[in-house]
Amino acid sequence: MALEGRPQAPRHPRPLPSLRDTFPRFAGEGPDCCAVLYYPPMPDEPLHTTTYTLTRADALAYEQAASRLTPLGVLALLLWLGLWGGAALLIPAGWAGPRFGMNSALLISVMVAIAYVLALLLISVRQWLRARRRLKRTLEVTLSEWPDRLDLVSTGMPRQIGFSEIRRSILGRTHLFLDTDEDVLILPRSAFPEEGSIEDLARRIDGWPRPVPHPAPVDAGAAPS
């Protein structure tokens, strides 16, 4: 009864527990806070991945696309044709008719045509032999295209080819051929079903900057010859 006349102290609501007190890990505290708040980046993925089979016909297609007559080869071909044309002049007139007549000119043309066909046959046999040496058996290749390189997986060890390592690219109707210092990479057009994908790859490779070869250092102490 004695407490009835004494004023009561005002009551304040009890504060709620903070996030720091309840969940210290999510507030940046505790030994495992970094493991909870850190999210590793997703691994990069290739732009395009395909698996295709190379046969000797693909190697022969490269030999046919890459074989170009050099100036020396053109000169050898002209000499070969001239040799056969000159041999037609040695045929007796009784068989070929008057020299430089109609029959003689026709015979020279036939001889030159035969020589040209023989030259084409020799070139074809040479290309076939080189294709056989280049690809001795059917080969399955898995290609992964990255923004700056190509990854290859075949029967050997995995191999990476940077765009800067490609010296020349040849885009044909059926293949894309990439020449490097070690070997040639043959990409069939059928391995790129998307319209324009193989042309886009060829453009990116052609537009990639190539390393500029540095000149060999000159020995300052060497005496001029």
Protein backbone atom coordinates (compact mmCIF):
# COMPACT_ATOMS: atom_id res chain seq x y z
CA MET A 1 0.00 0.00 0.00
CA ALA A 2 2.97 2.27 0.61
CA LEU A 3 3.96 2.08 -3.05
CA GLU A 4 0.67 3.35 -4.42
CA GLY A 5 1.56 7.04 -4.03
CA ARG A 6 5.14 6.71 -5.48
CA PRO A 7 5.48 7.70 -9.12
CA GLN A 8 6.41 4.88 -11.50
CA ALA A 9 9.34 5.24 -13.93
CA PRO A 10 8.27 5.21 -17.60
CA ARG A 11 8.81 1.90 -19.35
CA HIS A 12 10.61 1.88 -22.71
CA PRO A 13 10.22 -0.96 -25.15
CA ARG A 14 13.15 -3.33 -25.25
CA PRO A 15 15.23 -2.82 -28.40
CA LEU A 16 15.21 -5.63 -30.91
CA PRO A 17 18.51 -7.47 -31.55
CA SER A 18 20.44 -6.07 -34.45
CA LEU A 19 21.55 -8.03 -37.51
CA ARG A 20 25.13 -7.81 -36.28
CA ASP A 21 24.19 -9.54 -33.03
CA THR A 22 21.99 -12.18 -34.59
CA PHE A 23 23.92 -13.01 -37.81
CA PRO A 24 27.54 -11.92 -37.39
CA ARG A 25 28.66 -13.73 -40.57
CA PHE A 26 26.33 -11.74 -42.82
CA ALA A 27 27.42 -8.49 -41.17
CA GLY A 28 31.09 -9.02 -42.05
CA GLU A 29 32.13 -10.51 -38.72
CA GLY A 30 33.23 -13.95 -37.75
CA PRO A 31 35.91 -16.24 -39.18
CA ASP A 32 33.74 -17.53 -42.04
CA CYS A 33 32.39 -14.23 -43.32
CA CYS A 34 34.51 -14.20 -46.47
CA ALA A 35 33.47 -17.74 -47.35
CA VAL A 36 29.82 -16.73 -47.17
CA LEU A 37 29.93 -13.37 -48.93
CA TYR A 38 32.48 -14.22 -51.67
CA TYR A 39 31.14 -15.68 -54.90
CA PRO A 40 33.81 -16.92 -57.38
CA PRO A 41 33.34 -15.84 -60.98
CA MET A 42 31.89 -18.29 -63.43
CA PRO A 43 34.52 -19.99 -65.61
CA ASP A 44 34.88 -18.73 -69.15
CA GLU A 45 33.30 -20.77 -71.90
CA PRO A 46 34.44 -21.12 -75.52
CA LEU A 47 32.52 -19.29 -78.20
CA HIS A 48 32.07 -22.43 -80.26
CA THR A 49 32.91 -26.10 -79.79
CA THR A 50 32.61 -28.73 -82.47
CA THR A 51 33.88 -32.23 -83.24
CA TYR A 52 34.59 -33.30 -86.79
CA THR A 53 36.43 -36.03 -88.69
CA LEU A 54 39.31 -35.40 -91.07
CA THR A 55 39.95 -37.75 -93.96
CA ARG A 56 42.51 -37.86 -96.73
CA ALA A 57 40.07 -35.98 -98.95
CA ASP A 58 40.34 -32.98 -96.58
CA ALA A 59 44.13 -33.11 -96.76
CA LEU A 60 43.94 -33.30 -100.56
CA ALA A 61 41.65 -30.26 -100.59
CA TYR A 62 44.33 -28.32 -98.70
CA GLU A 63 47.06 -29.39 -101.13
CA GLN A 64 44.93 -28.27 -104.06
CA ALA A 65 44.10 -24.91 -102.44
CA ALA A 66 47.62 -24.17 -101.19
CA SER A 67 49.52 -25.31 -104.29
CA ARG A 68 50.24 -22.29 -106.43
CA LEU A 69 52.70 -22.18 -109.27
CA THR A 70 55.73 -20.09 -108.45
CA PRO A 71 57.42 -18.03 -111.17
CA LEU A 72 59.96 -20.81 -111.51
CA GLY A 73 57.16 -23.34 -111.83
CA VAL A 74 55.47 -21.28 -114.54
CA LEU A 75 58.76 -21.10 -116.42
CA ALA A 76 59.21 -24.88 -116.12
CA LEU A 77 55.67 -25.44 -117.44
CA LEU A 78 56.27 -23.17 -120.44
CA LEU A 79 59.51 -24.98 -121.23
CA TRP A 80 57.72 -28.32 -120.94
CA LEU A 81 54.98 -27.23 -123.36
CA GLY A 82 57.53 -25.72 -125.73
CA LEU A 83 59.50 -28.95 -125.71
CA TRP A 84 56.49 -30.94 -126.83
CA GLY A 85 55.55 -28.32 -129.40
CA GLY A 86 59.08 -28.41 -130.80
CA ALA A 87 58.99 -32.20 -130.89
CA ALA A 88 55.97 -31.98 -133.20
CA LEU A 89 58.14 -30.13 -135.71
CA LEU A 90 60.46 -33.12 -135.90
CA ILE A 91 57.73 -35.36 -137.28
CA PRO A 92 58.42 -36.08 -140.96
CA ALA A 93 56.47 -33.99 -143.46
CA GLY A 94 55.04 -37.15 -144.96
CA TRP A 95 53.09 -37.72 -141.74
CA ALA A 96 52.41 -34.19 -140.57
CA GLY A 97 52.02 -32.52 -143.95
CA PRO A 98 53.73 -29.31 -145.04
CA ARG A 99 55.52 -27.55 -142.18
CA PHE A 100 53.49 -24.71 -140.66
CA GLY A 101 50.51 -25.84 -142.70
CA MET A 102 47.06 -26.59 -141.32
CA ASN A 103 47.86 -30.22 -140.50
CA SER A 104 51.19 -29.29 -138.91
CA ALA A 105 49.60 -26.57 -136.77
CA LEU A 106 46.90 -29.00 -135.67
CA LEU A 107 49.53 -31.58 -134.74
CA ILE A 108 51.48 -29.03 -132.70
CA SER A 109 48.30 -28.04 -130.85
CA VAL A 110 47.54 -31.68 -130.08
CA MET A 111 51.06 -32.28 -128.78
CA VAL A 112 50.93 -29.18 -126.57
CA ALA A 113 47.52 -30.27 -125.20
CA ILE A 114 48.90 -33.73 -124.40
CA ALA A 115 51.86 -32.14 -122.61
CA TYR A 116 49.52 -29.92 -120.57
CA VAL A 117 47.37 -32.90 -119.53
CA LEU A 118 50.49 -34.81 -118.50
CA ALA A 119 51.63 -31.84 -116.41
CA LEU A 120 48.24 -31.72 -114.67
CA LEU A 121 48.47 -35.44 -113.97
CA LEU A 122 51.95 -35.05 -112.49
CA ILE A 123 50.75 -32.19 -110.29
CA SER A 124 47.73 -34.24 -109.14
CA VAL A 125 49.88 -37.25 -108.27
CA ARG A 126 52.25 -35.01 -106.32
CA GLN A 127 49.34 -33.46 -104.40
CA TRP A 128 47.89 -36.89 -103.64
CA LEU A 129 51.21 -38.14 -102.29
CA ARG A 130 51.61 -35.07 -100.08
CA ALA A 131 48.06 -35.46 -98.78
CA ARG A 132 48.78 -39.10 -97.97
CA ARG A 133 51.87 -38.15 -96.00
CA ARG A 134 50.03 -35.34 -94.22
CA LEU A 135 47.12 -37.48 -93.02
CA LYS A 136 47.87 -41.18 -92.83
CA ARG A 137 44.51 -42.19 -91.30
CA THR A 138 41.12 -40.80 -90.39
CA LEU A 139 41.38 -38.37 -87.49
CA GLU A 140 38.73 -37.07 -85.09
CA VAL A 141 39.29 -33.51 -83.88
CA THR A 142 37.52 -31.48 -81.20
CA LEU A 143 37.88 -27.74 -81.75
CA SER A 144 37.09 -25.04 -79.18
CA GLU A 145 37.01 -21.46 -80.43
CA TRP A 146 38.03 -18.74 -77.95
CA PRO A 147 38.22 -14.99 -78.51
CA ASP A 148 41.99 -15.11 -79.10
CA ARG A 149 42.90 -18.73 -79.78
CA LEU A 150 41.81 -22.18 -80.90
CA ASP A 151 42.06 -25.27 -78.70
CA LEU A 152 42.50 -28.65 -80.39
CA VAL A 153 42.06 -32.11 -78.96
CA SER A 154 42.82 -35.13 -81.15
CA THR A 155 44.83 -38.31 -80.82
CA GLY A 156 47.86 -36.40 -79.53
CA MET A 157 48.25 -33.92 -76.69
CA PRO A 158 45.86 -30.96 -76.48
CA ARG A 159 47.15 -28.01 -78.43
CA GLN A 160 46.51 -24.27 -78.33
CA ILE A 161 46.93 -22.08 -81.40
CA GLY A 162 46.84 -18.35 -80.85
CA PHE A 163 45.52 -16.13 -83.62
CA SER A 164 48.90 -14.38 -83.70
CA GLU A 165 50.60 -17.69 -84.57
CA ILE A 166 48.60 -18.13 -87.79
CA ARG A 167 50.65 -16.99 -90.78
CA ARG A 168 48.02 -17.43 -93.48
CA SER A 169 44.35 -18.32 -93.78
CA ILE A 170 42.73 -19.70 -96.93
CA LEU A 171 38.92 -19.65 -97.04
CA GLY A 172 37.45 -21.87 -99.74
CA ARG A 173 34.05 -23.19 -100.67
CA THR A 174 34.40 -26.27 -98.46
CA HIS A 175 37.20 -25.56 -95.95
CA LEU A 176 39.10 -22.99 -93.96
CA PHE A 177 42.84 -23.68 -93.91
CA LEU A 178 45.09 -22.08 -91.29
CA ASP A 179 48.86 -22.23 -91.81
CA THR A 180 51.13 -22.09 -88.76
CA ASP A 181 54.87 -22.55 -88.34
CA GLU A 182 54.35 -26.15 -87.19
CA ASP A 183 51.53 -27.50 -89.33
CA VAL A 184 48.27 -26.66 -91.05
CA LEU A 185 44.86 -26.65 -89.37
CA ILE A 186 42.04 -27.90 -91.61
CA LEU A 187 38.51 -26.76 -90.69
CA PRO A 188 35.68 -28.23 -92.79
CA ARG A 189 32.82 -25.86 -93.45
CA SER A 190 30.42 -28.62 -92.37
CA ALA A 191 31.76 -28.31 -88.80
CA PHE A 192 30.27 -24.79 -88.62
CA PRO A 193 26.55 -25.21 -89.28
CA GLU A 194 25.69 -21.63 -88.30
CA GLU A 195 25.42 -19.36 -91.32
CA GLY A 196 28.44 -17.09 -91.61
CA SER A 197 30.25 -18.49 -88.54
CA ILE A 198 33.29 -19.75 -90.44
CA GLU A 199 33.53 -16.47 -92.38
CA ASP A 200 33.42 -14.56 -89.09
CA LEU A 201 36.24 -16.71 -87.72
CA ALA A 202 38.34 -16.09 -90.84
CA ARG A 203 37.78 -12.31 -90.56
CA ARG A 204 38.78 -12.26 -86.89
CA ILE A 205 41.94 -14.22 -87.62
CA ASP A 206 42.88 -11.98 -90.55
CA GLY A 207 42.29 -8.88 -88.43
CA TRP A 208 44.36 -10.10 -85.51
CA PRO A 209 47.66 -8.19 -85.19
CA ARG A 210 50.73 -10.22 -86.03
CA PRO A 211 53.97 -9.83 -84.04
CA VAL A 212 56.50 -7.66 -85.84
CA PRO A 213 59.78 -9.54 -86.27
CA HIS A 214 62.66 -7.69 -84.67
CA PRO A 215 65.85 -7.35 -86.69
CA ALA A 216 68.85 -9.28 -85.54
CA PRO A 217 71.14 -7.26 -83.27
CA VAL A 218 74.22 -5.90 -84.98
CA ASP A 219 77.54 -6.36 -83.26
CA ALA A 220 79.03 -2.90 -82.88
CA GLY A 221 82.54 -4.32 -82.62
CA ALA A 222 82.33 -6.25 -85.88
CA ALA A 223 84.48 -4.82 -88.60
CA PRO A 224 82.68 -3.84 -91.79
CA SER A 225 83.37 -6.16 -94.71
